[in-house]
Structures are given as C-alpha cells and as structure tokens.
C-alpha cells in the first residue's frame, strides 16, 4: 500500500517490476486509498522534510520523477 501522493509512482514501479520479472501477477489498487484523509492528512507543515510540508512542495519533487524517462529513474532509484 502507498500513501495517496505516492500512489502513481508506486503503481508504475510495481507494474514495471512485474513486467521485468515476467511474473504472472496482477497489480490492483485499493480504491479506498483515494478516500482517506486530505491534504491535512498527507502533508505536515512542521515536518523536517521540506517535500512533505505541502502539496506544492511535494509536486516539485514528483514532477521531476514523472518526467524522467523510466530507465533513468530506475538507475537513480537503485
């Protein structure tokens, strides 16, 4: 499971790993994750990690990961 702000990346990475392993696995997303909390639940303004202080800060990081070609992302993430 993943927190909602991580969901797109988690799903993408899981599907890529399944393809790479040539496994017969179906990745399903629990739809209830989309109904849990809100910005006040996912972000903490007083966090020591700037990226989790707000949706705006989070998107700065996520946009880079979203636009990055997957082969580069894989190198960076490993």
N, C-alpha and C. Protein backbone atom coordinates (compact mmCIF):
# COMPACT_ATOMS: atom_id res chain seq x y z
N UNK A 1 0.84 -1.18 0.00
CA UNK A 1 0.00 0.00 0.00
C UNK A 1 0.88 1.24 0.00
N UNK A 2 0.33 2.34 -0.46
CA UNK A 2 1.08 3.58 -0.56
C UNK A 2 0.18 4.73 -0.13
N UNK A 3 0.79 5.77 0.38
CA UNK A 3 0.04 7.00 0.66
C UNK A 3 -0.40 7.58 -0.68
N UNK A 4 -1.51 8.24 -0.69
CA UNK A 4 -2.07 8.76 -1.93
C UNK A 4 -1.06 9.57 -2.77
N UNK A 5 -0.27 10.47 -2.19
CA UNK A 5 0.67 11.21 -3.03
C UNK A 5 1.72 10.31 -3.71
N UNK A 6 1.97 9.13 -3.16
CA UNK A 6 2.94 8.19 -3.74
C UNK A 6 2.31 7.23 -4.74
N UNK A 7 1.01 7.20 -4.79
CA UNK A 7 0.31 6.13 -5.47
C UNK A 7 0.70 5.95 -6.93
N UNK A 8 0.75 7.03 -7.70
CA UNK A 8 1.05 6.89 -9.12
C UNK A 8 2.42 6.24 -9.33
N UNK A 9 3.39 6.64 -8.50
CA UNK A 9 4.75 6.11 -8.66
C UNK A 9 4.84 4.67 -8.18
N UNK A 10 4.17 4.38 -7.09
CA UNK A 10 4.15 3.02 -6.56
C UNK A 10 3.55 2.06 -7.59
N UNK A 11 2.42 2.46 -8.16
CA UNK A 11 1.77 1.61 -9.16
C UNK A 11 2.67 1.42 -10.38
N UNK A 12 3.25 2.49 -10.86
CA UNK A 12 4.14 2.40 -12.03
C UNK A 12 5.31 1.48 -11.75
N UNK A 13 5.94 1.63 -10.59
CA UNK A 13 7.10 0.83 -10.25
C UNK A 13 6.75 -0.65 -10.08
N UNK A 14 5.62 -0.91 -9.45
CA UNK A 14 5.19 -2.30 -9.27
C UNK A 14 4.91 -2.96 -10.62
N UNK A 15 4.21 -2.26 -11.48
CA UNK A 15 3.91 -2.82 -12.81
C UNK A 15 5.20 -3.06 -13.61
N UNK A 16 6.14 -2.15 -13.51
CA UNK A 16 7.42 -2.33 -14.21
C UNK A 16 8.18 -3.53 -13.66
N UNK A 17 8.17 -3.70 -12.35
CA UNK A 17 8.86 -4.85 -11.74
C UNK A 17 8.22 -6.16 -12.16
N UNK A 18 6.90 -6.18 -12.22
CA UNK A 18 6.20 -7.39 -12.66
C UNK A 18 6.56 -7.72 -14.10
N UNK A 19 6.56 -6.71 -14.98
CA UNK A 19 6.94 -6.93 -16.38
C UNK A 19 8.37 -7.43 -16.48
N UNK A 20 9.27 -6.77 -15.76
CA UNK A 20 10.68 -7.13 -15.81
C UNK A 20 10.91 -8.57 -15.34
N UNK A 21 10.16 -8.99 -14.32
CA UNK A 21 10.30 -10.35 -13.79
C UNK A 21 9.51 -11.37 -14.63
N UNK A 22 8.75 -10.85 -15.58
CA UNK A 22 7.89 -11.71 -16.40
C UNK A 22 7.00 -12.59 -15.52
N UNK A 23 6.52 -11.97 -14.46
CA UNK A 23 5.68 -12.68 -13.50
C UNK A 23 4.21 -12.58 -13.90
N UNK A 24 3.47 -13.56 -13.48
CA UNK A 24 2.03 -13.57 -13.73
C UNK A 24 1.33 -13.02 -12.49
N UNK A 25 1.46 -11.71 -12.31
CA UNK A 25 0.92 -11.03 -11.14
C UNK A 25 0.06 -9.87 -11.61
N UNK A 26 -1.09 -9.73 -11.01
CA UNK A 26 -1.98 -8.60 -11.31
C UNK A 26 -1.82 -7.57 -10.20
N UNK A 27 -1.53 -6.35 -10.57
CA UNK A 27 -1.41 -5.26 -9.61
C UNK A 27 -2.77 -4.57 -9.54
N UNK A 28 -3.32 -4.52 -8.35
CA UNK A 28 -4.60 -3.85 -8.14
C UNK A 28 -4.44 -2.78 -7.08
N UNK A 29 -5.11 -1.68 -7.29
CA UNK A 29 -5.06 -0.57 -6.35
C UNK A 29 -6.34 -0.57 -5.53
N UNK A 30 -6.19 -0.52 -4.24
CA UNK A 30 -7.33 -0.45 -3.33
C UNK A 30 -7.96 0.94 -3.51
N UNK A 31 -9.14 0.99 -4.05
CA UNK A 31 -9.77 2.28 -4.35
C UNK A 31 -10.05 3.11 -3.11
N UNK A 32 -10.16 2.49 -1.96
CA UNK A 32 -10.40 3.24 -0.72
C UNK A 32 -9.27 4.21 -0.40
N UNK A 33 -8.07 3.95 -0.91
CA UNK A 33 -6.93 4.84 -0.64
C UNK A 33 -7.26 6.26 -1.11
N UNK A 34 -8.08 6.37 -2.14
CA UNK A 34 -8.43 7.69 -2.70
C UNK A 34 -9.40 8.46 -1.81
N UNK A 35 -9.98 7.80 -0.83
CA UNK A 35 -10.95 8.46 0.04
C UNK A 35 -10.40 8.75 1.43
N UNK A 36 -9.17 8.34 1.70
CA UNK A 36 -8.57 8.53 3.03
C UNK A 36 -7.98 9.91 3.14
N UNK A 37 -8.34 10.61 4.19
CA UNK A 37 -7.73 11.90 4.52
C UNK A 37 -7.88 12.97 3.47
N UNK A 38 -7.01 13.92 3.54
CA UNK A 38 -6.95 15.05 2.62
C UNK A 38 -5.57 15.66 2.79
N UNK A 39 -5.39 16.85 2.30
CA UNK A 39 -4.06 17.48 2.40
C UNK A 39 -3.57 17.55 3.83
N UNK A 40 -4.46 17.80 4.78
CA UNK A 40 -4.03 17.88 6.18
C UNK A 40 -3.57 16.51 6.70
N UNK A 41 -3.97 15.46 6.04
CA UNK A 41 -3.60 14.09 6.43
C UNK A 41 -2.26 13.69 5.82
N UNK A 42 -2.04 14.09 4.56
CA UNK A 42 -0.84 13.65 3.84
C UNK A 42 0.36 14.57 4.02
N UNK A 43 0.13 15.82 4.38
CA UNK A 43 1.24 16.78 4.48
C UNK A 43 1.32 17.35 5.88
N UNK A 44 2.56 17.63 6.33
CA UNK A 44 2.78 18.15 7.68
C UNK A 44 3.61 19.43 7.59
N UNK A 45 3.00 20.61 7.77
CA UNK A 45 3.70 21.88 7.64
C UNK A 45 4.95 22.01 8.51
N UNK A 46 5.01 21.32 9.63
CA UNK A 46 6.17 21.44 10.52
C UNK A 46 7.18 20.30 10.35
N UNK A 47 7.08 19.55 9.28
CA UNK A 47 7.99 18.43 9.04
C UNK A 47 9.43 18.92 8.83
N UNK A 48 10.39 18.10 9.20
CA UNK A 48 11.79 18.41 8.93
C UNK A 48 12.15 18.12 7.47
N UNK A 49 11.27 17.41 6.76
CA UNK A 49 11.47 17.12 5.34
C UNK A 49 10.65 18.11 4.52
N UNK A 50 11.29 19.07 3.88
CA UNK A 50 10.55 20.10 3.15
C UNK A 50 9.54 19.55 2.14
N UNK A 51 9.83 18.44 1.49
CA UNK A 51 8.95 17.92 0.45
C UNK A 51 7.60 17.44 0.97
N UNK A 52 7.48 17.18 2.27
CA UNK A 52 6.20 16.71 2.80
C UNK A 52 5.43 17.80 3.55
N UNK A 53 5.88 19.03 3.44
CA UNK A 53 5.20 20.13 4.15
C UNK A 53 3.91 20.57 3.47
N UNK A 54 3.83 20.41 2.15
CA UNK A 54 2.62 20.82 1.42
C UNK A 54 2.57 20.10 0.08
N UNK A 55 1.38 20.11 -0.52
CA UNK A 55 1.23 19.50 -1.84
C UNK A 55 2.12 20.20 -2.86
N UNK A 56 2.25 21.52 -2.74
CA UNK A 56 3.10 22.28 -3.66
C UNK A 56 4.55 21.82 -3.57
N UNK A 57 5.06 21.67 -2.36
CA UNK A 57 6.44 21.20 -2.17
C UNK A 57 6.60 19.77 -2.69
N UNK A 58 5.60 18.95 -2.44
CA UNK A 58 5.64 17.56 -2.88
C UNK A 58 5.70 17.49 -4.42
N UNK A 59 4.90 18.31 -5.08
CA UNK A 59 4.84 18.28 -6.54
C UNK A 59 6.14 18.72 -7.19
N UNK A 60 6.91 19.57 -6.53
CA UNK A 60 8.22 19.97 -7.09
C UNK A 60 9.07 18.73 -7.33
N UNK A 61 9.08 17.83 -6.39
CA UNK A 61 9.87 16.60 -6.49
C UNK A 61 9.21 15.61 -7.45
N UNK A 62 7.91 15.44 -7.33
CA UNK A 62 7.21 14.45 -8.13
C UNK A 62 7.24 14.79 -9.62
N UNK A 63 7.16 16.07 -9.97
CA UNK A 63 7.20 16.44 -11.39
C UNK A 63 8.48 15.95 -12.05
N UNK A 64 9.58 16.08 -11.34
CA UNK A 64 10.86 15.61 -11.88
C UNK A 64 10.80 14.10 -12.11
N UNK A 65 10.29 13.37 -11.13
CA UNK A 65 10.21 11.92 -11.26
C UNK A 65 9.22 11.50 -12.34
N UNK A 66 8.15 12.25 -12.49
CA UNK A 66 7.15 11.95 -13.50
C UNK A 66 7.69 12.15 -14.91
N UNK A 67 8.48 13.18 -15.11
CA UNK A 67 9.01 13.49 -16.44
C UNK A 67 10.26 12.68 -16.79
N UNK A 68 10.91 12.14 -15.79
CA UNK A 68 12.15 11.40 -16.01
C UNK A 68 11.88 10.10 -16.77
N UNK A 69 12.64 9.82 -17.83
CA UNK A 69 12.48 8.53 -18.51
C UNK A 69 12.69 7.39 -17.52
N UNK A 70 11.91 6.33 -17.69
CA UNK A 70 11.93 5.27 -16.69
C UNK A 70 13.30 4.62 -16.54
N UNK A 71 14.07 4.48 -17.62
CA UNK A 71 15.39 3.85 -17.50
C UNK A 71 16.31 4.69 -16.61
N UNK A 72 16.19 6.02 -16.64
CA UNK A 72 16.97 6.87 -15.75
C UNK A 72 16.46 6.79 -14.32
N UNK A 73 15.15 6.81 -14.17
CA UNK A 73 14.54 6.69 -12.85
C UNK A 73 15.01 5.42 -12.16
N UNK A 74 15.05 4.34 -12.93
CA UNK A 74 15.48 3.06 -12.37
C UNK A 74 16.92 3.13 -11.87
N UNK A 75 17.76 3.82 -12.59
CA UNK A 75 19.17 3.98 -12.17
C UNK A 75 19.27 4.82 -10.89
N UNK A 76 18.51 5.90 -10.85
CA UNK A 76 18.54 6.80 -9.71
C UNK A 76 17.97 6.10 -8.47
N UNK A 77 16.91 5.35 -8.66
CA UNK A 77 16.21 4.71 -7.53
C UNK A 77 16.96 3.51 -6.97
N UNK A 78 17.88 2.96 -7.73
CA UNK A 78 18.56 1.74 -7.22
C UNK A 78 19.84 2.03 -6.51
